[in-house]
Amino acid sequence: MTPQFEFVEKSLSAMITKMTGRFSFVVMIILAVLSGCASLPPGSNFAKTKSSALANSEETRLGRQFENAGREHGDNSGFRIIPAGANGFLVRMQMINAAERTLDLQYYIFRDDDTGQLLTSAVLRAADRGVRVRILLDDGDTVAGDEQITKLAAHPSIEVRIFNPFAYRGHSELLRATEFTFNASRLDYRMHNKLFVVDNAIALIGGRNIGDQYFQIDPDSQFADDDVFVAGPITKKLSSSFDEFWNSDLSIPAEALSGEKPSHATLRERRMELKQQNREIKATGVDYLKRVASGEPFDGIISGRLPLIWAHAQLIYDSPDKKKVEDGEMVGKLMHRAVANAALEVKSELLMVTPFLIPGKEGMQLIEDLRKRNVRVRILTNSLDSSMILPAQAGYMHYRIPLLEEGVELYEIRSLLGNTRGSGETKAISRYGNYSLHAKLFVFDRQKLFIGSMNFDQRSMHLNTEIGLIIDSPVLAQQIATRFDAMVQPANAYQLALRPNDVGQSLVWRTRKNGKTVEYTTEPARSDWQRIKANILSLLPMDDEL
């Protein structure tokens, strides 16, 4: 889920429908006064210890294996794309089980649902056998239950920190919205990074958060995304980026927000809850632990049966204090510039997969520059019927005609796919018709690719921190391009086109259903009400927030 989109939508609704009662009003005013002038998050003065990634990763089995393999491949790193959501879950569980010394997790979202609970249990087991665990989470899109992860901080081998937290720690949408309103300059700034590192030797990076939706096992909602498994020298750079965020002034120990470290009794209760929840998960008919115990796909990757692609790669990420870097107050890193530079070097074709497409002036200028050189630009994004975030979809609506006029080939994914090839989901799940894009991928001339957390929107460019890799690999680039070609087939996507009318041009959506070509002149949607809401939201000047 992209930062603040759903939160803003829910908050607006909550403020309209729930702003009743004198007590609530008084609480909101007090909260606003307490938080309105804060430049640093609550808990900033809490004493915390700096720490860093494992220095001698070669002392672990994975470290030795991939240090030797890196030397054999000229100090390149090894990569394997993981497109299937269920495999994204399995490989995380298996990587945790393989950890010997350290485990670092950095996420925008960590849900307390089935997969979140299973991963939490695995993390606890790793800590029990002496693995040092650091968990860094953003606070922008937490929902009731997600706070359970902070109870792990009672374990002597686990630390949990919250990036740029709210002062209010409950789940009242009204109170969160009020605090946000009075302290938007700080709270609008979020950490959108996704990173998972084991023993400073192997890692996962990409667009997936932790949750059933992101692993494409929830019938009600599937977010299609990609991870890339990483081994070799660049893993140490990934760990350095984690350390930078972990030790940032914006990363606050969980106990600083609760007022005390969780007790051992609290942790014991959490262990019991997780055991019961895991039994209930198994009783539903899907034995995830049995699938984890099979060892695949992780064993195949480690053994070489599922081979890695060895290539040079560039790690790009925003500084933890990106906002100050953007404002010119300090020197730091801004990753969107590196992605833009890679795009401007394209000679023949740029492919883009992005769930949220709000290019702004900079993005439109980049595309115009490419089209002037006759570079083919093809973009796959969400349709109205596949989008879960209406404000983002409404912002995107303004750019469709200008993009088509520039000669961009524009596709919108359907929520019900005609063919699951390349989609990352199973046929059984696809029949529910709740497919939505969440991947962030660029392919440059089918020679190299970008994979990471950055959407092609204003929020990723200017308001959130992001992370990703630019990998120089024609093999991996072609893999993504092949999947792109499969996903934009008429059975899976709408291709947008322009049709002249009495007042200029209008949009049409072309697709294929039941073996027949279909053309819509009215935007496909889940309902008339969804279409009406999107059109109303499109009237609001929200681009800078999207």
Protein backbone atom coordinates (compact mmCIF):
# COMPACT_ATOMS: atom_id res chain seq x y z
CA MET A 1 0.00 0.00 0.00
CA THR A 2 1.47 3.32 -0.96
CA PRO A 3 1.97 5.77 1.92
CA GLN A 4 -0.91 7.97 3.09
CA PHE A 5 -3.23 7.36 0.08
CA GLU A 6 -5.63 5.10 1.93
CA PHE A 7 -4.91 6.90 5.20
CA VAL A 8 -5.89 10.28 3.71
CA GLU A 9 -9.06 8.84 2.20
CA LYS A 10 -10.09 7.15 5.46
CA SER A 11 -9.13 10.20 7.48
CA LEU A 12 -11.29 12.54 5.44
CA SER A 13 -14.23 10.21 5.82
CA ALA A 14 -13.59 9.79 9.53
CA MET A 15 -13.42 13.53 10.14
CA ILE A 16 -16.73 14.04 8.37
CA THR A 17 -18.62 11.17 10.02
CA LYS A 18 -17.08 10.88 13.49
CA MET A 19 -16.43 14.41 14.68
CA THR A 20 -19.04 14.28 17.43
CA GLY A 21 -18.97 14.56 21.21
CA ARG A 22 -17.34 17.13 23.43
CA PHE A 23 -14.84 14.66 24.87
CA SER A 24 -13.43 13.73 21.48
CA PHE A 25 -13.16 17.38 20.57
CA VAL A 26 -11.21 18.19 23.74
CA VAL A 27 -8.86 15.22 23.19
CA MET A 28 -8.21 16.36 19.62
CA ILE A 29 -7.38 19.91 20.68
CA ILE A 30 -4.99 18.69 23.39
CA LEU A 31 -3.31 16.33 20.95
CA ALA A 32 -2.99 19.09 18.36
CA VAL A 33 -1.39 21.47 20.85
CA LEU A 34 1.05 18.81 22.04
CA SER A 35 2.14 17.73 18.58
CA GLY A 36 1.60 20.76 16.38
CA CYS A 37 5.01 22.33 16.73
CA ALA A 38 7.11 19.18 16.91
CA SER A 39 10.00 19.02 14.43
CA LEU A 40 11.26 15.68 15.76
CA PRO A 41 9.08 12.70 16.62
CA PRO A 42 8.06 11.79 20.17
CA GLY A 43 10.74 9.78 21.96
CA SER A 44 13.61 11.57 20.20
CA ASN A 45 15.35 12.22 23.52
CA PHE A 46 15.19 8.56 24.52
CA ALA A 47 18.64 7.04 24.95
CA LYS A 48 19.39 4.47 22.26
CA THR A 49 22.46 2.51 21.28
CA LYS A 50 23.94 2.68 17.80
CA SER A 51 24.51 -0.63 16.12
CA SER A 52 25.70 -1.89 12.77
CA ALA A 53 25.55 -4.91 10.50
CA LEU A 54 27.55 -8.06 11.17
CA ALA A 55 31.17 -7.18 10.46
CA ASN A 56 32.44 -10.66 9.66
CA SER A 57 29.71 -12.26 7.60
CA GLU A 58 32.20 -14.84 6.34
CA GLU A 59 31.95 -16.46 9.76
CA THR A 60 28.49 -17.71 8.78
CA ARG A 61 27.69 -20.48 6.31
CA LEU A 62 25.87 -18.13 3.92
CA GLY A 63 28.59 -15.51 4.24
CA ARG A 64 31.35 -17.96 3.31
CA GLN A 65 29.39 -19.40 0.40
CA PHE A 66 28.60 -16.11 -1.27
CA GLU A 67 31.86 -14.35 -0.51
CA ASN A 68 33.62 -17.10 -2.46
CA ALA A 69 30.99 -17.00 -5.22
CA GLY A 70 31.35 -13.21 -5.51
CA ARG A 71 35.11 -13.51 -6.05
CA GLU A 72 34.50 -16.17 -8.70
CA HIS A 73 32.22 -13.74 -10.56
CA GLY A 74 34.55 -10.75 -10.58
CA ASP A 75 32.97 -9.11 -7.51
CA ASN A 76 29.59 -9.03 -9.19
CA SER A 77 26.53 -9.93 -7.12
CA GLY A 78 23.96 -12.67 -7.67
CA PHE A 79 20.27 -11.98 -8.27
CA ARG A 80 17.05 -13.91 -8.74
CA ILE A 81 13.64 -12.33 -9.28
CA ILE A 82 10.81 -13.75 -7.15
CA PRO A 83 7.54 -12.81 -8.90
CA ALA A 84 5.11 -15.22 -7.19
CA GLY A 85 3.59 -13.81 -4.03
CA ALA A 86 3.48 -17.14 -2.18
CA ASN A 87 7.18 -17.70 -2.93
CA GLY A 88 7.90 -14.26 -1.49
CA PHE A 89 6.45 -15.47 1.80
CA LEU A 90 8.15 -18.89 1.72
CA VAL A 91 11.61 -17.56 0.98
CA ARG A 92 11.35 -15.06 3.85
CA MET A 93 10.42 -17.81 6.28
CA GLN A 94 13.25 -20.00 5.01
CA MET A 95 15.79 -17.17 5.16
CA ILE A 96 14.83 -16.50 8.78
CA ASN A 97 15.28 -20.19 9.55
CA ALA A 98 18.73 -20.10 7.94
CA ALA A 99 19.95 -17.05 9.90
CA GLU A 100 22.91 -17.72 12.21
CA ARG A 101 23.97 -14.31 13.54
CA THR A 102 21.86 -11.36 12.42
CA LEU A 103 18.50 -10.52 10.92
CA ASP A 104 17.50 -6.99 9.79
CA LEU A 105 13.97 -6.14 8.64
CA GLN A 106 12.91 -2.74 7.30
CA TYR A 107 9.30 -2.28 6.14
CA TYR A 108 6.58 0.26 5.57
CA ILE A 109 3.91 -2.26 6.61
CA PHE A 110 4.07 -5.37 8.82
CA ARG A 111 0.54 -6.74 9.19
CA ASP A 112 -0.56 -8.98 12.05
CA ASP A 113 -2.46 -11.32 9.70
CA ASP A 114 -1.77 -14.98 8.89
CA THR A 115 1.57 -14.51 7.13
CA GLY A 116 2.60 -11.72 9.48
CA GLN A 117 2.00 -13.97 12.49
CA LEU A 118 3.92 -16.85 10.94
CA LEU A 119 6.85 -14.59 10.15
CA THR A 120 6.72 -13.13 13.68
CA SER A 121 6.89 -16.65 15.12
CA ALA A 122 9.89 -17.44 12.91
CA VAL A 123 11.65 -14.26 14.06
CA LEU A 124 11.09 -15.25 17.69
CA ARG A 125 12.54 -18.70 17.08
CA ALA A 126 15.60 -17.12 15.45
CA ALA A 127 16.10 -14.84 18.44
CA ASP A 128 15.75 -17.84 20.79
CA ARG A 129 18.72 -19.49 19.11
CA GLY A 130 20.85 -16.34 19.55
CA VAL A 131 20.26 -14.40 16.31
CA ARG A 132 20.33 -10.63 16.84
CA VAL A 133 17.16 -9.14 15.33
CA ARG A 134 16.56 -5.50 14.38
CA ILE A 135 13.11 -4.52 13.10
CA LEU A 136 12.51 -1.02 11.71
CA LEU A 137 8.96 -0.09 10.73
CA ASP A 138 7.21 3.00 9.47
CA ASP A 139 4.18 4.33 11.35
CA GLY A 140 2.13 5.82 8.52
CA ASP A 141 -0.25 2.99 7.66
CA THR A 142 -0.52 0.89 10.80
CA VAL A 143 -3.89 -0.65 11.65
CA ALA A 144 -5.23 -2.29 14.81
CA GLY A 145 -3.17 -5.38 15.60
CA ASP A 146 0.02 -4.27 13.87
CA GLU A 147 1.33 -2.95 17.20
CA GLN A 148 1.73 -6.57 18.37
CA ILE A 149 5.17 -6.63 16.75
CA THR A 150 6.48 -4.22 19.41
CA LYS A 151 5.99 -6.89 22.09
CA LEU A 152 8.98 -8.71 20.62
CA ALA A 153 11.19 -5.97 22.07
CA ALA A 154 10.92 -7.80 25.43
CA HIS A 155 13.25 -10.43 23.98
CA PRO A 156 16.91 -9.70 24.82
CA SER A 157 17.95 -10.40 21.21
CA ILE A 158 15.28 -8.25 19.51
CA GLU A 159 15.07 -4.49 19.06
CA VAL A 160 12.09 -2.75 17.44
CA ARG A 161 12.20 0.86 16.24
CA ILE A 162 9.46 3.00 14.69
CA PHE A 163 10.29 5.53 12.00
CA ASN A 164 8.79 9.01 12.47
CA PRO A 165 5.98 7.86 14.77
CA PHE A 166 2.69 9.49 15.66
CA ALA A 167 2.33 10.67 19.26
CA TYR A 168 -1.08 9.01 19.50
CA ARG A 169 -0.57 5.24 19.70
CA GLY A 170 -4.17 4.10 19.36
CA HIS A 171 -6.20 3.31 16.26
CA SER A 172 -8.94 5.93 16.23
CA GLU A 173 -8.95 7.23 12.67
CA LEU A 174 -10.34 10.53 13.93
CA LEU A 175 -7.50 11.13 16.40
CA ARG A 176 -4.81 10.04 13.95
CA ALA A 177 -6.30 12.32 11.32
CA THR A 178 -6.36 15.22 13.76
CA GLU A 179 -2.73 14.75 14.76
CA PHE A 180 -1.77 14.48 11.11
CA THR A 181 -3.66 17.67 10.26
CA PHE A 182 -1.87 19.71 12.91
CA ASN A 183 1.57 18.18 12.26
CA ALA A 184 1.47 17.37 8.57
CA SER A 185 4.91 18.81 7.81
CA ARG A 186 6.50 16.02 9.84
CA LEU A 187 3.97 13.19 9.63
CA ASP A 188 3.58 13.44 5.86
CA TYR A 189 7.19 12.25 5.58
CA ARG A 190 7.29 8.43 5.54
CA MET A 191 9.81 5.58 5.17
CA HIS A 192 8.58 3.44 2.26
CA ASN A 193 11.68 1.18 2.10
CA LYS A 194 11.43 -2.63 1.97
CA LEU A 195 14.57 -4.54 2.90
CA PHE A 196 15.32 -7.93 4.48
CA VAL A 197 18.94 -8.94 5.27
CA VAL A 198 20.27 -12.17 6.80
CA ASP A 199 23.80 -12.44 8.26
CA ASN A 200 24.91 -9.51 6.09
CA ALA A 201 25.25 -12.18 3.37
CA ILE A 202 21.89 -12.45 1.54
CA ALA A 203 18.96 -10.09 1.16
CA LEU A 204 15.56 -9.44 -0.35
CA ILE A 205 14.66 -6.06 -1.80
CA GLY A 206 11.66 -4.96 -3.84
CA GLY A 207 8.15 -3.66 -3.38
CA ARG A 208 6.50 -6.20 -1.08
CA ASN A 209 5.43 -5.32 2.43
CA ILE A 210 4.62 -8.02 5.02
CA GLY A 211 1.01 -9.17 4.78
CA ASP A 212 -1.40 -11.61 3.13
CA GLN A 213 -2.24 -9.14 0.34
CA TYR A 214 1.38 -8.79 -0.68
CA PHE A 215 1.92 -12.54 -0.77
CA GLN A 216 -1.18 -12.94 -2.97
CA ILE A 217 -2.98 -15.42 -0.72
CA ASP A 218 -5.92 -13.22 0.35
CA PRO A 219 -9.01 -13.84 -1.84
CA ASP A 220 -10.29 -10.34 -1.03
CA SER A 221 -7.20 -8.51 -2.28
CA GLN A 222 -3.95 -9.45 -4.04
CA PHE A 223 -1.13 -6.97 -4.62
CA ALA A 224 1.11 -8.21 -7.43
CA ASP A 225 4.73 -7.41 -6.68
CA ASP A 226 8.32 -8.58 -7.03
CA ASP A 227 11.28 -9.26 -4.77
CA VAL A 228 14.82 -9.80 -5.93
CA PHE A 229 16.97 -12.22 -3.95
CA VAL A 230 20.47 -10.76 -3.54
CA ALA A 231 23.77 -12.38 -2.63
CA GLY A 232 27.35 -11.21 -2.90
CA PRO A 233 29.18 -7.92 -2.38
CA ILE A 234 26.23 -5.56 -2.76
CA THR A 235 24.58 -7.11 0.31
CA LYS A 236 27.00 -5.21 2.53
CA LYS A 237 25.89 -1.95 0.89
CA LEU A 238 22.28 -2.88 1.57
CA SER A 239 23.18 -3.46 5.21
CA SER A 240 24.88 -0.06 5.35
CA SER A 241 21.68 1.58 4.14
CA PHE A 242 19.77 -0.23 6.90
CA ASP A 243 22.28 0.98 9.50
CA GLU A 244 21.86 4.55 8.27
CA PHE A 245 18.10 4.41 8.85
CA TRP A 246 18.36 2.38 12.08
CA ASN A 247 20.66 4.95 13.68
CA SER A 248 18.73 7.96 12.35
CA ASP A 249 17.21 10.49 14.77
CA LEU A 250 13.83 9.63 13.21
CA SER A 251 14.00 5.96 14.29
CA ILE A 252 12.52 5.70 17.77
CA PRO A 253 12.77 2.64 20.06
CA ALA A 254 9.36 1.10 20.62
CA GLU A 255 9.74 1.36 24.40
CA ALA A 256 10.22 5.14 24.12
CA LEU A 257 6.67 5.37 22.75
CA SER A 258 5.02 2.99 25.21
CA GLY A 259 6.88 4.41 28.20
CA GLU A 260 8.45 1.11 29.17
CA LYS A 261 10.04 -1.99 27.73
CA PRO A 262 7.52 -4.81 27.22
CA SER A 263 7.65 -7.30 30.09
CA HIS A 264 8.66 -10.94 29.89
CA ALA A 265 5.08 -11.79 30.86
CA THR A 266 3.83 -9.84 27.86
CA LEU A 267 6.19 -11.76 25.60
CA ARG A 268 5.07 -15.09 27.07
CA GLU A 269 1.45 -14.14 26.37
CA ARG A 270 2.38 -13.18 22.81
CA ARG A 271 4.09 -16.54 22.28
CA MET A 272 0.94 -18.34 23.43
CA GLU A 273 -1.23 -16.19 21.15
CA LEU A 274 1.01 -16.93 18.18
CA LYS A 275 0.94 -20.68 18.84
CA GLN A 276 -2.85 -20.63 18.96
CA GLN A 277 -3.09 -18.44 15.86
CA ASN A 278 -0.72 -20.73 13.98
CA ARG A 279 -2.88 -23.74 14.87
CA GLU A 280 -5.94 -21.87 13.60
CA ILE A 281 -4.15 -20.98 10.37
CA LYS A 282 -3.26 -24.64 9.81
CA ALA A 283 -6.88 -25.62 10.53
CA THR A 284 -8.08 -23.48 7.62
CA GLY A 285 -6.69 -26.08 5.24
CA VAL A 286 -3.48 -24.38 4.07
CA ASP A 287 -0.45 -25.82 5.88
CA TYR A 288 2.05 -23.03 5.26
CA LEU A 289 4.57 -24.52 7.70
CA LYS A 290 4.62 -27.75 5.70
CA ARG A 291 5.39 -25.73 2.58
CA VAL A 292 8.13 -23.85 4.45
CA ALA A 293 9.62 -27.17 5.61
CA SER A 294 9.92 -28.33 1.99
CA GLY A 295 12.84 -25.90 1.68
CA GLU A 296 11.73 -24.53 -1.66
CA PRO A 297 12.43 -22.12 -3.22
CA PHE A 298 15.28 -21.16 -0.85
CA ASP A 299 17.13 -24.49 -1.00
CA GLY A 300 17.03 -24.38 -4.79
CA ILE A 301 18.54 -20.89 -4.80
CA ILE A 302 21.29 -21.73 -2.31
CA SER A 303 22.20 -25.00 -4.04
CA GLY A 304 22.32 -23.45 -7.51
CA ARG A 305 19.46 -25.58 -8.82
CA LEU A 306 17.58 -22.30 -9.23
CA PRO A 307 20.55 -20.33 -10.53
CA LEU A 308 21.42 -16.77 -9.67
CA ILE A 309 22.23 -14.25 -12.38
CA TRP A 310 25.55 -12.60 -11.58
CA ALA A 311 25.81 -8.97 -12.64
CA HIS A 312 26.94 -5.51 -11.64
CA ALA A 313 24.35 -3.46 -9.78
CA GLN A 314 23.99 0.02 -8.32
CA LEU A 315 22.26 0.49 -4.98
CA ILE A 316 20.22 3.69 -4.86
CA TYR A 317 18.30 4.98 -1.87
CA ASP A 318 17.15 8.19 -0.25
CA SER A 319 18.83 9.55 2.85
CA PRO A 320 16.81 9.11 6.05
CA ASP A 321 16.60 12.91 6.19
CA LYS A 322 15.44 13.14 2.58
CA LYS A 323 13.20 16.07 3.40
CA LYS A 324 16.20 18.15 4.47
CA VAL A 325 18.15 17.03 1.40
CA GLU A 326 15.23 18.07 -0.84
CA ASP A 327 15.13 21.47 0.90
CA GLY A 328 18.87 21.96 0.45
CA GLU A 329 19.55 21.95 4.20
CA MET A 330 22.03 19.07 4.03
CA VAL A 331 23.98 16.89 1.61
CA GLY A 332 22.49 13.48 0.98
CA LYS A 333 21.09 10.99 -1.51
CA LEU A 334 17.97 11.36 -3.70
CA MET A 335 17.35 8.17 -5.61
CA HIS A 336 14.74 9.42 -8.10
CA ARG A 337 17.50 11.32 -9.87
CA ALA A 338 19.46 8.12 -10.49
CA VAL A 339 16.37 6.42 -11.94
CA ALA A 340 15.68 9.44 -14.14
CA ASN A 341 19.28 9.47 -15.38
CA ALA A 342 19.06 5.78 -16.28
CA ALA A 343 15.81 6.45 -18.16
CA LEU A 344 17.32 9.36 -20.07
CA GLU A 345 20.11 7.08 -21.32
CA VAL A 346 17.59 4.79 -23.01
CA LYS A 347 18.03 4.58 -26.78
CA SER A 348 15.09 2.52 -28.01
CA GLU A 349 12.60 1.36 -25.34
CA LEU A 350 11.53 2.12 -21.77
CA LEU A 351 9.13 -0.25 -20.02
CA MET A 352 7.54 0.84 -16.75
CA VAL A 353 5.36 -0.98 -14.25
CA THR A 354 4.03 1.29 -11.52
CA PRO A 355 0.85 1.00 -9.44
CA PHE A 356 0.61 4.77 -9.06
CA LEU A 357 1.32 7.01 -12.03
CA ILE A 358 1.42 10.73 -11.18
CA PRO A 359 4.44 11.96 -13.19
CA GLY A 360 4.19 15.67 -12.39
CA LYS A 361 6.15 18.21 -14.41
CA GLU A 362 9.47 16.38 -13.96
CA GLY A 363 8.10 13.02 -15.03
CA MET A 364 6.25 14.46 -18.02
CA GLN A 365 9.40 16.31 -19.12
CA LEU A 366 11.39 13.07 -18.93
CA ILE A 367 8.82 11.28 -21.09
CA GLU A 368 8.69 14.17 -23.57
CA ASP A 369 12.49 14.09 -23.89
CA LEU A 370 12.39 10.35 -24.61
CA ARG A 371 9.61 10.64 -27.16
CA LYS A 372 11.45 13.43 -29.00
CA ARG A 373 14.16 10.84 -29.64
CA ASN A 374 11.52 8.32 -30.76
CA VAL A 375 12.10 6.11 -27.74
CA ARG A 376 9.23 3.68 -27.34
CA VAL A 377 7.62 4.20 -23.91
CA ARG A 378 5.22 1.55 -22.61
CA ILE A 379 3.61 1.84 -19.17
CA LEU A 380 1.48 -0.62 -17.20
CA THR A 381 -0.46 0.75 -14.22
CA ASN A 382 -3.68 0.13 -12.34
CA SER A 383 -7.13 0.58 -13.81
CA LEU A 384 -9.98 2.06 -11.83
CA ASP A 385 -11.42 -1.40 -11.28
CA SER A 386 -8.08 -2.80 -10.03
CA SER A 387 -7.06 0.19 -7.92
CA MET A 388 -7.44 0.02 -4.14
CA ILE A 389 -6.45 3.67 -3.64
CA LEU A 390 -8.95 6.07 -5.18
CA PRO A 391 -7.05 9.35 -4.50
CA ALA A 392 -4.03 7.99 -6.42
CA GLN A 393 -6.24 6.86 -9.28
CA ALA A 394 -7.94 10.25 -9.36
CA GLY A 395 -4.57 12.01 -9.58
CA TYR A 396 -3.48 9.74 -12.42
CA MET A 397 -6.62 10.51 -14.45
CA HIS A 398 -5.26 13.97 -15.37
CA TYR A 399 -2.20 12.49 -17.10
CA ARG A 400 -3.77 9.92 -19.40
CA ILE A 401 -4.58 12.14 -22.36
CA PRO A 402 -1.24 14.06 -22.20
CA LEU A 403 0.67 10.74 -22.05
CA LEU A 404 -1.21 9.34 -25.03
CA GLU A 405 -0.70 12.57 -26.97
CA GLU A 406 3.06 12.12 -26.41
CA GLY A 407 2.81 8.70 -28.02
CA VAL A 408 3.11 6.64 -24.83
CA GLU A 409 1.59 3.16 -25.00
CA LEU A 410 -0.55 3.09 -21.88
CA TYR A 411 -2.06 -0.03 -20.32
CA GLU A 412 -4.23 -0.50 -17.24
CA ILE A 413 -4.36 -3.91 -15.56
CA ARG A 414 -7.73 -5.56 -15.05
CA SER A 415 -8.84 -6.83 -11.64
CA LEU A 416 -9.96 -10.11 -13.23
CA LEU A 417 -7.20 -11.55 -15.40
CA GLY A 418 -7.89 -13.65 -18.45
CA ASN A 419 -4.47 -15.34 -18.12
CA THR A 420 -2.36 -15.59 -14.95
CA ARG A 421 0.98 -16.06 -16.77
CA GLY A 422 3.44 -13.58 -15.30
CA SER A 423 0.95 -12.32 -12.71
CA GLY A 424 2.48 -13.92 -9.62
CA GLU A 425 -0.85 -15.37 -8.47
CA THR A 426 -2.44 -18.78 -8.76
CA LYS A 427 -5.42 -19.58 -10.96
CA ALA A 428 -7.42 -20.43 -7.84
CA ILE A 429 -6.85 -16.96 -6.38
CA SER A 430 -7.29 -15.17 -9.72
CA ARG A 431 -10.92 -16.24 -10.05
CA TYR A 432 -11.89 -13.83 -7.24
CA GLY A 433 -11.11 -10.88 -9.51
CA ASN A 434 -9.27 -8.78 -6.93
CA TYR A 435 -5.93 -8.37 -8.70
CA SER A 436 -4.06 -5.09 -8.25
CA LEU A 437 -0.55 -3.94 -9.22
CA HIS A 438 1.95 -3.07 -6.51
CA ALA A 439 5.26 -3.73 -8.35
CA LYS A 440 7.70 -0.96 -9.21
CA LEU A 441 9.82 -1.96 -12.21
CA PHE A 442 11.65 -0.19 -15.04
CA VAL A 443 13.35 -1.93 -17.96
CA PHE A 444 15.91 0.10 -19.90
CA ASP A 445 16.48 -1.07 -23.52
CA ARG A 446 16.02 -4.65 -22.27
CA GLN A 447 19.60 -4.40 -21.01
CA LYS A 448 19.16 -3.37 -17.38
CA LEU A 449 16.35 -2.90 -14.91
CA PHE A 450 15.27 -1.06 -11.78
CA ILE A 451 13.49 -2.92 -8.99
CA GLY A 452 12.61 -1.41 -5.65
CA SER A 453 10.04 0.51 -3.63
CA MET A 454 9.74 3.70 -5.74
CA ASN A 455 6.50 4.45 -7.57
CA PHE A 456 6.45 6.89 -10.50
CA ASP A 457 4.58 9.49 -8.46
CA GLN A 458 5.20 12.69 -6.54
CA ARG A 459 5.14 11.04 -3.12
CA SER A 460 7.93 8.60 -4.00
CA MET A 461 9.91 11.33 -5.69
CA HIS A 462 9.66 13.97 -2.97
CA LEU A 463 7.86 12.90 0.23
CA ASN A 464 8.94 9.34 1.08
CA THR A 465 12.24 7.59 1.43
CA GLU A 466 12.71 4.75 -1.08
CA ILE A 467 15.28 2.13 -1.99
CA GLY A 468 16.09 0.04 -5.07
CA LEU A 469 18.66 -1.53 -7.35
CA ILE A 470 19.62 -0.78 -10.94
CA ILE A 471 20.93 -4.12 -12.23
CA ASP A 472 22.99 -4.38 -15.43
CA SER A 473 21.64 -7.70 -16.66
CA PRO A 474 20.09 -8.34 -20.09
CA VAL A 475 18.92 -11.72 -18.77
CA LEU A 476 16.92 -10.25 -15.88
CA ALA A 477 15.74 -7.33 -18.00
CA GLN A 478 14.39 -9.75 -20.59
CA GLN A 479 12.63 -11.77 -17.89
CA ILE A 480 10.73 -8.68 -16.76
CA ALA A 481 10.06 -7.61 -20.36
CA THR A 482 8.60 -11.03 -21.17
CA ARG A 483 6.27 -10.81 -18.18
CA PHE A 484 5.35 -7.24 -19.16
CA ASP A 485 4.37 -8.44 -22.64
CA ALA A 486 2.23 -11.18 -21.09
CA MET A 487 0.47 -8.82 -18.69
CA VAL A 488 -0.44 -6.20 -21.31
CA GLN A 489 -2.16 -8.75 -23.53
CA PRO A 490 -5.80 -7.78 -24.22
CA ALA A 491 -7.05 -10.61 -21.98
CA ASN A 492 -5.32 -9.00 -18.96
CA ALA A 493 -5.28 -5.27 -19.52
CA TYR A 494 -7.08 -2.34 -21.06
CA GLN A 495 -5.08 -0.50 -23.71
CA LEU A 496 -6.00 3.16 -23.72
CA ALA A 497 -6.45 5.15 -26.91
CA LEU A 498 -7.77 8.54 -28.01
CA ARG A 499 -10.88 9.08 -30.08
CA PRO A 500 -11.80 12.46 -31.64
CA ASN A 501 -15.09 13.97 -30.50
CA ASP A 502 -16.98 17.25 -30.84
CA VAL A 503 -14.90 19.03 -28.18
CA GLY A 504 -11.48 17.46 -28.82
CA GLN A 505 -10.51 13.94 -27.75
CA SER A 506 -11.90 11.33 -25.40
CA LEU A 507 -10.54 8.09 -23.98
CA VAL A 508 -11.44 4.56 -24.97
CA TRP A 509 -10.45 1.34 -23.20
CA ARG A 510 -9.80 -1.70 -25.40
CA THR A 511 -9.62 -5.24 -24.05
CA ARG A 512 -10.65 -8.78 -24.85
CA LYS A 513 -13.38 -10.76 -23.07
CA ASN A 514 -14.71 -14.21 -23.89
CA GLY A 515 -12.55 -14.27 -27.00
CA LYS A 516 -13.98 -11.03 -28.38
CA THR A 517 -12.48 -7.55 -28.64
CA VAL A 518 -14.37 -5.04 -26.50
CA GLU A 519 -14.11 -1.24 -26.52
CA TYR A 520 -15.40 0.93 -23.67
CA THR A 521 -16.11 4.64 -23.98
CA THR A 522 -17.01 4.86 -20.28
CA GLU A 523 -14.22 4.02 -17.84
CA PRO A 524 -14.49 0.44 -16.56
CA ALA A 525 -15.13 0.39 -12.82
CA ARG A 526 -16.34 -1.90 -10.04
CA SER A 527 -19.44 0.26 -9.67
CA ASP A 528 -20.94 3.57 -10.75
CA TRP A 529 -20.31 4.86 -7.24
CA GLN A 530 -16.58 4.07 -7.49
CA ARG A 531 -16.43 5.97 -10.77
CA ILE A 532 -18.29 8.94 -9.28
CA LYS A 533 -15.99 9.11 -6.24
CA ALA A 534 -12.89 8.99 -8.45
CA ASN A 535 -14.21 11.81 -10.63
CA ILE A 536 -15.00 13.95 -7.57
CA LEU A 537 -11.54 13.34 -6.09
CA SER A 538 -9.94 14.24 -9.43
CA LEU A 539 -11.21 17.80 -8.94
CA LEU A 540 -9.04 18.27 -5.85
CA PRO A 541 -5.48 19.71 -6.21
CA MET A 542 -3.73 16.72 -4.61
CA ASP A 543 -0.87 15.93 -7.02
CA ASP A 544 1.88 16.96 -4.60
CA GLU A 545 0.54 14.50 -2.02
CA LEU A 546 0.18 11.56 -4.43
